[in-house]
Amino acid sequence: MPESEVLCVGEVLWDALPEGLFLGGAPFNVACHLRAAGTPVSMVSRVGDDRLGDEVLRRAARYGVRVDLIQVDPALPTGFVRVVVNEAGEPTYDIPAPSAWDEIAPTPALLARAATARAIVFGTLAQRHASSRRTIERLWESKALMVLDLNLRPPYDDREIVARSLHRADVVKLSENELAHIAEWFGLSGSTRDMVTGLVKTFACPVVCVTRGSAGAALWREGRWSEQPGYAVEVRDTVGAGDAFLAVLLSGLLAGSGGAVDDETLLQHANLIGAYVATQFGALPSDQRVATPPVAEDAPVRARRRPRKR
């Protein structure tokens, strides 16, 4: 078991963009960028017993992400999302259900690793189904740093799920649009800083980060408020930019838990990687897109057939 590992829990799936298929899913993207930053990380998810599931495991291992906590479902397919990107590079998502990642199970191995993890990254989308939601809530029993990546994806933007997640989170990352959305739910008002202050008081979150796209980001960290203006870039699509941002932010928070990391510098580094990802297609710029179900370069992928129903 890696020392001081981070667990990234939730959906791993294929994003179908006009340019091809890209491996993604918010927690998976965070895991890959964390590993690139030198943080030991394991992905916790579930894939189908199919070719796309095989390719998830192969590529994740190529990124250096541990895959032994990725489960294989005998019936449900590997996650797949249709992504439509508008002229501004902003995506909308069609997320079919059910998918294998809806059935993440609380295995003894997973619970044991969660008990010793340094941090656990989770979101709200992966809690759309009761099975994975119950597993994520079991992981909240850990003493690890709980990092909530609030990813509201209608129709899977449940107020009660968000509230429970916020109550358990030690670090919250959300976009400015998501902040405005939950402000309506929980009676928060005023400026961005006012709404974050209200969020902190309501849910006792010591760290809240709000991303603002090309306008940068703001960070509330244990009573300190910091802002960074961001970077103007030519956007191809914004898929995964926030995930890359979170990975760099979390790396800095873990490295500077004693207050050694300057918040403005931390935001600058996170905004840089987020801006770079926005200039590329897909969430993982080094990934190779594929137009058909992927085949490994070094070995043929096993084609599995399910028995026909009688």
Protein backbone atom coordinates (compact mmCIF):
# COMPACT_ATOMS: atom_id res chain seq x y z
CA MET A 1 0.00 0.00 0.00
CA PRO A 2 1.40 3.45 -0.93
CA GLU A 3 2.35 5.65 1.99
CA SER A 4 -0.01 8.61 2.53
CA GLU A 5 -2.11 7.79 -0.50
CA VAL A 6 -5.12 9.76 -1.70
CA LEU A 7 -8.27 7.90 -2.74
CA CYS A 8 -10.32 9.39 -5.59
CA VAL A 9 -13.81 7.91 -5.45
CA GLY A 10 -16.55 7.91 -8.06
CA GLU A 11 -17.15 7.82 -11.78
CA VAL A 12 -14.63 6.74 -14.38
CA LEU A 13 -16.04 6.91 -17.87
CA TRP A 14 -15.50 7.75 -21.52
CA ASP A 15 -16.32 11.26 -22.74
CA ALA A 16 -17.66 11.19 -26.30
CA LEU A 17 -16.60 14.51 -27.82
CA PRO A 18 -16.78 15.50 -31.50
CA GLU A 19 -13.01 14.87 -31.68
CA GLY A 20 -13.28 11.31 -30.38
CA LEU A 21 -13.47 9.29 -27.17
CA PHE A 22 -11.56 10.58 -24.15
CA LEU A 23 -11.10 8.82 -20.85
CA GLY A 24 -12.47 10.90 -18.00
CA GLY A 25 -14.79 11.27 -15.06
CA ALA A 26 -14.05 14.02 -12.53
CA PRO A 27 -12.48 11.88 -9.78
CA PHE A 28 -10.43 9.95 -12.34
CA ASN A 29 -9.13 13.18 -13.87
CA VAL A 30 -8.17 14.42 -10.41
CA ALA A 31 -6.37 11.14 -9.72
CA CYS A 32 -4.29 11.39 -12.90
CA HIS A 33 -3.25 14.98 -12.23
CA LEU A 34 -2.46 14.20 -8.59
CA ARG A 35 -0.19 11.36 -9.70
CA ALA A 36 1.51 13.68 -12.20
CA ALA A 37 2.21 16.01 -9.25
CA GLY A 38 3.91 13.14 -7.41
CA THR A 39 1.11 12.20 -5.03
CA PRO A 40 0.45 8.46 -4.48
CA VAL A 41 -3.15 7.92 -5.56
CA SER A 42 -5.63 5.09 -6.03
CA MET A 43 -8.82 5.22 -8.05
CA VAL A 44 -11.97 3.80 -6.46
CA SER A 45 -14.63 3.04 -9.05
CA ARG A 46 -16.32 0.27 -11.02
CA VAL A 47 -16.12 -0.59 -14.72
CA GLY A 48 -17.91 -3.07 -16.91
CA ASP A 49 -16.63 -6.47 -17.96
CA ASP A 50 -16.09 -5.11 -21.46
CA ARG A 51 -13.47 -3.67 -23.82
CA LEU A 52 -13.84 -0.10 -22.58
CA GLY A 53 -13.43 -1.31 -19.01
CA ASP A 54 -10.23 -3.14 -19.96
CA GLU A 55 -8.92 0.04 -21.52
CA VAL A 56 -9.75 2.08 -18.41
CA LEU A 57 -7.56 -0.22 -16.32
CA ARG A 58 -4.73 -0.20 -18.85
CA ARG A 59 -4.64 3.58 -19.26
CA ALA A 60 -5.03 4.31 -15.57
CA ALA A 61 -2.02 2.12 -14.88
CA ARG A 62 -0.14 3.97 -17.60
CA TYR A 63 -0.79 7.22 -15.73
CA GLY A 64 0.62 5.65 -12.57
CA VAL A 65 -2.77 5.53 -10.82
CA ARG A 66 -3.33 2.40 -8.74
CA VAL A 67 -6.25 0.36 -10.08
CA ASP A 68 -6.59 -2.45 -7.55
CA LEU A 69 -9.63 -0.72 -6.00
CA ILE A 70 -11.44 -0.43 -9.35
CA GLN A 71 -14.12 -3.11 -9.32
CA VAL A 72 -15.44 -5.00 -12.36
CA ASP A 73 -19.20 -5.38 -12.73
CA PRO A 74 -20.39 -8.59 -14.46
CA ALA A 75 -23.47 -6.98 -16.01
CA LEU A 76 -23.44 -3.17 -16.12
CA PRO A 77 -21.40 -1.37 -18.81
CA THR A 78 -18.43 0.92 -18.36
CA GLY A 79 -19.55 4.55 -17.99
CA PHE A 80 -20.09 6.62 -21.12
CA VAL A 81 -21.05 10.29 -21.51
CA ARG A 82 -22.06 12.27 -24.56
CA VAL A 83 -20.52 15.74 -24.35
CA VAL A 84 -21.72 18.70 -26.43
CA VAL A 85 -19.42 21.73 -26.43
CA ASN A 86 -20.76 25.16 -27.41
CA GLU A 87 -18.86 27.91 -29.23
CA ALA A 88 -17.46 29.22 -25.92
CA GLY A 89 -15.99 25.78 -25.14
CA GLU A 90 -18.52 25.10 -22.37
CA PRO A 91 -19.79 21.52 -22.17
CA THR A 92 -23.18 20.00 -21.49
CA TYR A 93 -23.48 16.31 -20.59
CA ASP A 94 -25.81 13.42 -21.38
CA ILE A 95 -25.00 10.77 -18.76
CA PRO A 96 -26.74 7.42 -19.37
CA ALA A 97 -27.82 5.33 -16.38
CA PRO A 98 -27.25 2.85 -14.99
CA SER A 99 -23.49 2.42 -15.41
CA ALA A 100 -20.99 0.24 -13.57
CA TRP A 101 -19.83 3.17 -11.40
CA ASP A 102 -23.32 3.37 -9.90
CA GLU A 103 -22.63 0.10 -8.04
CA ILE A 104 -19.35 0.73 -6.18
CA ALA A 105 -19.30 -1.72 -3.28
CA PRO A 106 -17.80 -1.17 0.22
CA THR A 107 -15.36 -4.06 0.03
CA PRO A 108 -13.16 -4.89 3.04
CA ALA A 109 -10.08 -3.88 1.03
CA LEU A 110 -11.60 -0.48 0.24
CA LEU A 111 -12.65 0.21 3.82
CA ALA A 112 -9.21 -0.78 5.12
CA ARG A 113 -7.46 1.55 2.67
CA ALA A 114 -9.85 4.39 3.44
CA ALA A 115 -9.05 4.07 7.14
CA THR A 116 -5.39 4.90 6.46
CA ALA A 117 -5.75 7.29 3.49
CA ARG A 118 -4.39 10.80 3.76
CA ALA A 119 -7.28 12.30 1.80
CA ILE A 120 -10.44 11.10 0.06
CA VAL A 121 -11.76 12.99 -2.96
CA PHE A 122 -15.46 12.50 -3.74
CA GLY A 123 -18.22 14.24 -5.64
CA THR A 124 -21.98 14.42 -5.85
CA LEU A 125 -22.56 12.86 -9.28
CA ALA A 126 -21.31 9.46 -8.12
CA GLN A 127 -23.97 9.56 -5.41
CA ARG A 128 -26.88 9.54 -7.88
CA HIS A 129 -27.50 5.84 -7.18
CA ALA A 130 -28.09 4.46 -3.68
CA SER A 131 -25.39 1.76 -3.94
CA SER A 132 -22.43 4.04 -4.63
CA ARG A 133 -23.89 6.70 -2.32
CA ARG A 134 -23.97 4.30 0.61
CA THR A 135 -20.38 3.28 -0.10
CA ILE A 136 -19.20 6.89 -0.20
CA GLU A 137 -20.98 7.57 3.08
CA ARG A 138 -19.19 4.58 4.62
CA LEU A 139 -15.89 6.16 3.59
CA TRP A 140 -16.82 9.31 5.51
CA GLU A 141 -16.10 7.34 8.68
CA SER A 142 -12.39 7.65 7.87
CA LYS A 143 -10.27 10.31 9.57
CA ALA A 144 -8.82 11.27 6.18
CA LEU A 145 -9.13 14.80 4.82
CA MET A 146 -12.50 14.82 2.98
CA VAL A 147 -12.37 16.74 -0.29
CA LEU A 148 -15.70 17.48 -2.00
CA ASP A 149 -15.68 18.32 -5.69
CA LEU A 150 -19.18 19.65 -6.13
CA ASN A 151 -20.19 18.67 -9.66
CA LEU A 152 -23.85 19.48 -10.24
CA ARG A 153 -25.04 17.66 -13.35
CA PRO A 154 -28.81 17.98 -13.88
CA PRO A 155 -30.92 15.97 -13.31
CA TYR A 156 -28.50 14.56 -10.72
CA ASP A 157 -28.28 17.72 -8.59
CA ASP A 158 -30.00 16.60 -5.42
CA ARG A 159 -30.22 19.19 -2.63
CA GLU A 160 -30.15 16.67 0.23
CA ILE A 161 -27.14 14.81 -1.19
CA VAL A 162 -25.30 18.12 -1.56
CA ALA A 163 -26.17 19.15 2.00
CA ARG A 164 -24.93 15.86 3.52
CA SER A 165 -21.74 16.07 1.47
CA LEU A 166 -21.06 19.66 2.52
CA HIS A 167 -21.53 18.78 6.18
CA ARG A 168 -18.81 16.11 5.92
CA ALA A 169 -16.34 17.98 3.71
CA ASP A 170 -13.10 19.53 4.97
CA VAL A 171 -12.29 21.04 1.56
CA VAL A 172 -14.93 22.13 -0.97
CA LYS A 173 -14.25 23.03 -4.60
CA LEU A 174 -17.09 24.43 -6.69
CA SER A 175 -17.62 26.75 -9.64
CA GLU A 176 -19.12 30.21 -9.42
CA ASN A 177 -22.28 28.93 -11.14
CA GLU A 178 -22.55 26.07 -8.66
CA LEU A 179 -22.11 28.50 -5.77
CA ALA A 180 -25.00 30.59 -7.10
CA HIS A 181 -27.12 27.44 -7.43
CA ILE A 182 -26.61 26.24 -3.88
CA ALA A 183 -26.93 29.81 -2.58
CA GLU A 184 -30.58 29.67 -3.69
CA TRP A 185 -31.02 26.32 -1.94
CA PHE A 186 -29.54 27.39 1.39
CA GLY A 187 -30.47 31.07 1.58
CA LEU A 188 -27.01 32.55 0.90
CA SER A 189 -26.74 36.01 -0.67
CA GLY A 190 -24.43 38.90 -1.46
CA SER A 191 -21.06 38.84 -3.19
CA THR A 192 -19.06 35.71 -3.90
CA ARG A 193 -17.18 36.27 -0.67
CA ASP A 194 -20.44 36.78 1.25
CA MET A 195 -21.90 33.54 -0.13
CA VAL A 196 -18.73 31.61 0.69
CA THR A 197 -18.76 33.06 4.21
CA GLY A 198 -22.35 31.90 4.60
CA LEU A 199 -21.43 28.45 3.26
CA VAL A 200 -18.58 28.17 5.75
CA LYS A 201 -20.83 29.14 8.66
CA THR A 202 -23.69 26.85 7.59
CA PHE A 203 -21.62 23.72 6.97
CA ALA A 204 -18.44 24.36 9.00
CA CYS A 205 -16.13 23.93 5.99
CA PRO A 206 -12.60 25.16 6.81
CA VAL A 207 -11.54 25.42 3.14
CA VAL A 208 -13.74 26.53 0.22
CA CYS A 209 -12.44 27.27 -3.28
CA VAL A 210 -14.54 28.91 -6.01
CA THR A 211 -13.39 28.64 -9.62
CA ARG A 212 -14.31 31.45 -12.02
CA GLY A 213 -13.16 30.17 -15.40
CA SER A 214 -10.97 32.71 -17.19
CA ALA A 215 -11.50 35.11 -14.26
CA GLY A 216 -9.42 32.88 -11.97
CA ALA A 217 -10.42 31.61 -8.55
CA ALA A 218 -10.95 32.58 -4.92
CA LEU A 219 -10.02 30.64 -1.80
CA TRP A 220 -11.35 30.77 1.75
CA ARG A 221 -8.87 28.97 3.96
CA GLU A 222 -9.41 28.96 7.70
CA GLY A 223 -10.49 32.61 7.81
CA ARG A 224 -8.19 33.95 5.06
CA TRP A 225 -9.62 35.14 1.73
CA SER A 226 -7.38 35.06 -1.35
CA GLU A 227 -8.01 35.70 -5.05
CA GLN A 228 -6.10 35.13 -8.28
CA PRO A 229 -7.24 36.71 -11.58
CA GLY A 230 -6.57 33.75 -13.87
CA TYR A 231 -5.24 33.59 -17.42
CA ALA A 232 -6.67 34.44 -20.83
CA VAL A 233 -6.23 31.46 -23.18
CA GLU A 234 -7.73 30.17 -26.41
CA VAL A 235 -10.27 27.65 -25.15
CA ARG A 236 -10.88 24.39 -27.02
CA ASP A 237 -13.08 22.93 -24.32
CA THR A 238 -13.27 23.28 -20.56
CA VAL A 239 -13.81 19.55 -19.88
CA GLY A 240 -11.59 18.58 -16.95
CA ALA A 241 -10.08 22.03 -16.36
CA GLY A 242 -11.62 22.20 -12.89
CA ASP A 243 -10.38 18.68 -12.10
CA ALA A 244 -6.80 19.64 -12.96
CA PHE A 245 -7.22 22.77 -10.84
CA LEU A 246 -8.40 20.71 -7.87
CA ALA A 247 -5.49 18.28 -8.14
CA VAL A 248 -2.93 21.09 -7.93
CA LEU A 249 -4.88 22.81 -5.15
CA LEU A 250 -5.05 19.61 -3.11
CA SER A 251 -1.37 18.85 -3.67
CA GLY A 252 -0.52 22.27 -2.32
CA LEU A 253 -2.85 21.97 0.65
CA LEU A 254 -1.37 18.59 1.58
CA ALA A 255 2.19 19.84 1.18
CA GLY A 256 1.49 23.01 3.12
CA SER A 257 -0.76 21.73 5.86
CA GLY A 258 1.34 23.67 8.35
CA GLY A 259 0.67 26.97 6.55
CA ALA A 260 3.93 27.02 4.57
CA VAL A 261 2.21 27.38 1.18
CA ASP A 262 1.17 30.90 0.23
CA ASP A 263 -2.51 30.87 -0.83
CA GLU A 264 -2.08 33.30 -3.73
CA THR A 265 0.78 31.21 -5.13
CA LEU A 266 -1.27 28.06 -4.68
CA LEU A 267 -4.15 29.58 -6.65
CA GLN A 268 -1.75 30.75 -9.34
CA HIS A 269 -0.36 27.25 -9.84
CA ALA A 270 -3.85 25.70 -9.88
CA ASN A 271 -5.12 28.29 -12.38
CA LEU A 272 -2.15 27.67 -14.67
CA ILE A 273 -2.84 23.95 -15.02
CA GLY A 274 -6.58 24.56 -15.36
CA ALA A 275 -5.99 27.10 -18.12
CA TYR A 276 -3.66 24.72 -19.94
CA VAL A 277 -6.20 21.90 -19.90
CA ALA A 278 -8.80 24.29 -21.34
CA THR A 279 -6.54 24.82 -24.38
CA GLN A 280 -6.61 21.09 -25.16
CA PHE A 281 -9.29 18.61 -26.18
CA GLY A 282 -10.45 16.37 -23.35
CA ALA A 283 -9.69 16.30 -19.65
CA LEU A 284 -6.25 14.67 -19.89
CA PRO A 285 -4.20 16.43 -22.57
CA SER A 286 -1.61 13.63 -22.79
CA ASP A 287 -4.35 11.07 -23.47
CA GLN A 288 -4.73 9.73 -26.99
CA ARG A 289 -8.20 10.08 -28.40
CA VAL A 290 -9.77 7.11 -30.16
CA ALA A 291 -12.59 7.07 -32.65
CA THR A 292 -13.54 3.43 -32.07
CA PRO A 293 -13.49 1.15 -29.02
CA PRO A 294 -9.79 1.28 -28.04
CA VAL A 295 -7.25 -1.48 -28.52
CA ALA A 296 -4.00 -1.68 -26.58
CA GLU A 297 -0.84 -1.04 -28.55
CA ASP A 298 1.09 -3.86 -26.88
CA ALA A 299 -1.59 -6.57 -26.78
CA PRO A 300 -5.09 -7.23 -28.11
CA VAL A 301 -7.91 -6.34 -25.76
CA ARG A 302 -10.06 -9.30 -24.80
CA ALA A 303 -13.48 -9.16 -26.41
CA ARG A 304 -15.98 -10.53 -23.94
CA ARG A 305 -19.46 -11.67 -24.87
CA ARG A 306 -22.30 -11.88 -22.45
CA PRO A 307 -24.54 -14.96 -22.56
CA ARG A 308 -27.76 -14.40 -24.43
CA LYS A 309 -30.94 -14.27 -22.40
CA ARG A 310 -33.07 -17.33 -22.86
